[in-house]
Amino acid sequence: MNLLQIMAFMAENNLDISRADSFVEGKSVKQGANITMGASMKDLINIQTEKTIPVLFFLNIEQYKLLSSGNTDLETLKSKS
């Protein structure tokens, strides 16, 4: 399974997966960028105790909003790329 399939499987089966989508800050650095996201204290503790691993994805905001509202029309979604 690739990472997206793993995440979908975990979400569909109510396994231990959560999301943090609160963007806090982004800074340019020599290596690329540092991105800071907001998350719960539980998520931080789980990262620190190696119970979870953070994975950052970037979603097209227009496609995300359409999907969040229940619109799954591929033609409409692809027109927003």
C-alpha atoms as a PDB file:
ATOM      1  CA  MET A   1       0.000   0.000   0.000  1.00  0.00           C
ATOM      2  CA  ASN A   2       1.204   3.524  -0.664  1.00  0.00           C
ATOM      3  CA  LEU A   3       0.913   6.213   2.000  1.00  0.00           C
ATOM      4  CA  LEU A   4      -2.396   7.599   0.727  1.00  0.00           C
ATOM      5  CA  GLN A   5      -3.936   4.114   0.658  1.00  0.00           C
ATOM      6  CA  ILE A   6      -2.712   3.494   4.200  1.00  0.00           C
ATOM      7  CA  MET A   7      -4.248   6.744   5.430  1.00  0.00           C
ATOM      8  CA  ALA A   8      -7.555   6.058   3.656  1.00  0.00           C
ATOM      9  CA  PHE A   9      -7.679   2.529   5.114  1.00  0.00           C
ATOM     10  CA  MET A  10      -6.968   3.851   8.609  1.00  0.00           C
ATOM     11  CA  ALA A  11      -9.644   6.550   8.325  1.00  0.00           C
ATOM     12  CA  GLU A  12     -12.269   4.199   6.852  1.00  0.00           C
ATOM     13  CA  ASN A  13     -11.696   1.668   9.637  1.00  0.00           C
ATOM     14  CA  ASN A  14     -11.557   4.119  12.570  1.00  0.00           C
ATOM     15  CA  LEU A  15      -7.919   3.328  13.322  1.00  0.00           C
ATOM     16  CA  ASP A  16      -5.605   5.725  15.168  1.00  0.00           C
ATOM     17  CA  ILE A  17      -5.344   8.626  12.697  1.00  0.00           C
ATOM     18  CA  SER A  18      -5.966  12.317  13.289  1.00  0.00           C
ATOM     19  CA  ARG A  19      -5.500  15.526  11.366  1.00  0.00           C
ATOM     20  CA  ALA A  20      -4.076  18.922  12.164  1.00  0.00           C
ATOM     21  CA  ASP A  21      -4.871  21.525   9.537  1.00  0.00           C
ATOM     22  CA  SER A  22      -4.131  24.738  11.422  1.00  0.00           C
ATOM     23  CA  PHE A  23      -1.342  26.522   9.552  1.00  0.00           C
ATOM     24  CA  VAL A  24       0.656  28.721  11.928  1.00  0.00           C
ATOM     25  CA  GLU A  25       3.727  29.908  10.041  1.00  0.00           C
ATOM     26  CA  GLY A  26       6.005  29.302   7.078  1.00  0.00           C
ATOM     27  CA  LYS A  27       9.610  30.471   6.761  1.00  0.00           C
ATOM     28  CA  SER A  28      12.114  30.238   3.913  1.00  0.00           C
ATOM     29  CA  VAL A  29      15.407  28.608   4.889  1.00  0.00           C
ATOM     30  CA  LYS A  30      18.460  27.485   2.892  1.00  0.00           C
ATOM     31  CA  GLN A  31      17.176  23.895   2.842  1.00  0.00           C
ATOM     32  CA  GLY A  32      13.721  24.934   1.557  1.00  0.00           C
ATOM     33  CA  ALA A  33      11.067  25.853   4.098  1.00  0.00           C
ATOM     34  CA  ASN A  34      10.084  25.360   7.722  1.00  0.00           C
ATOM     35  CA  ILE A  35       6.345  24.968   8.198  1.00  0.00           C
ATOM     36  CA  THR A  36       4.684  25.228  11.605  1.00  0.00           C
ATOM     37  CA  MET A  37       1.276  23.646  12.154  1.00  0.00           C
ATOM     38  CA  GLY A  38      -1.007  23.734  15.170  1.00  0.00           C
ATOM     39  CA  ALA A  39      -2.021  20.422  16.748  1.00  0.00           C
ATOM     40  CA  SER A  40      -3.446  19.117  20.008  1.00  0.00           C
ATOM     41  CA  MET A  41      -1.308  18.410  23.062  1.00  0.00           C
ATOM     42  CA  LYS A  42      -2.242  14.729  22.690  1.00  0.00           C
ATOM     43  CA  ASP A  43      -0.773  14.747  19.178  1.00  0.00           C
ATOM     44  CA  LEU A  44       2.464  16.321  20.438  1.00  0.00           C
ATOM     45  CA  ILE A  45       2.792  13.767  23.228  1.00  0.00           C
ATOM     46  CA  ASN A  46       2.157  10.929  20.769  1.00  0.00           C
ATOM     47  CA  ILE A  47       4.909  12.266  18.482  1.00  0.00           C
ATOM     48  CA  GLN A  48       7.328  12.655  21.398  1.00  0.00           C
ATOM     49  CA  THR A  49       6.639   9.125  22.654  1.00  0.00           C
ATOM     50  CA  GLU A  50       6.932   7.709  19.126  1.00  0.00           C
ATOM     51  CA  LYS A  51       3.329   6.478  19.053  1.00  0.00           C
ATOM     52  CA  THR A  52       2.582   8.521  15.924  1.00  0.00           C
ATOM     53  CA  ILE A  53       4.488   9.983  13.001  1.00  0.00           C
ATOM     54  CA  PRO A  54       3.562  13.354  11.493  1.00  0.00           C
ATOM     55  CA  VAL A  55       3.064  13.428   7.720  1.00  0.00           C
ATOM     56  CA  LEU A  56       2.384  16.708   5.921  1.00  0.00           C
ATOM     57  CA  PHE A  57       0.321  16.827   2.723  1.00  0.00           C
ATOM     58  CA  PHE A  58      -0.612  19.816   0.598  1.00  0.00           C
ATOM     59  CA  LEU A  59      -4.137  19.842  -0.837  1.00  0.00           C
ATOM     60  CA  ASN A  60      -5.545  22.129  -3.500  1.00  0.00           C
ATOM     61  CA  ILE A  61      -7.789  24.400  -1.429  1.00  0.00           C
ATOM     62  CA  GLU A  62     -10.538  24.708  -4.059  1.00  0.00           C
ATOM     63  CA  GLN A  63     -10.683  20.923  -4.525  1.00  0.00           C
ATOM     64  CA  TYR A  64     -10.633  20.440  -0.738  1.00  0.00           C
ATOM     65  CA  LYS A  65     -13.549  22.820  -0.242  1.00  0.00           C
ATOM     66  CA  LEU A  66     -15.570  21.140  -3.003  1.00  0.00           C
ATOM     67  CA  LEU A  67     -14.923  17.674  -1.573  1.00  0.00           C
ATOM     68  CA  SER A  68     -15.705  18.898   1.960  1.00  0.00           C
ATOM     69  CA  SER A  69     -19.080  20.121   0.725  1.00  0.00           C
ATOM     70  CA  GLY A  70     -19.789  16.712  -0.826  1.00  0.00           C
ATOM     71  CA  ASN A  71     -19.009  17.558  -4.468  1.00  0.00           C
ATOM     72  CA  THR A  72     -17.218  14.566  -6.006  1.00  0.00           C
ATOM     73  CA  ASP A  73     -17.681  15.468  -9.678  1.00  0.00           C
ATOM     74  CA  LEU A  74     -14.256  14.714 -11.185  1.00  0.00           C
ATOM     75  CA  GLU A  75     -14.649  17.112 -14.097  1.00  0.00           C
ATOM     76  CA  THR A  76     -15.365  19.997 -11.729  1.00  0.00           C
ATOM     77  CA  LEU A  77     -12.567  18.962  -9.368  1.00  0.00           C
ATOM     78  CA  LYS A  78      -9.985  18.635 -12.161  1.00  0.00           C
ATOM     79  CA  SER A  79     -10.940  22.061 -13.514  1.00  0.00           C
ATOM     80  CA  LYS A  80      -9.695  23.546 -10.226  1.00  0.00           C
ATOM     81  CA  SER A  81      -6.098  22.293 -10.563  1.00  0.00           C
END
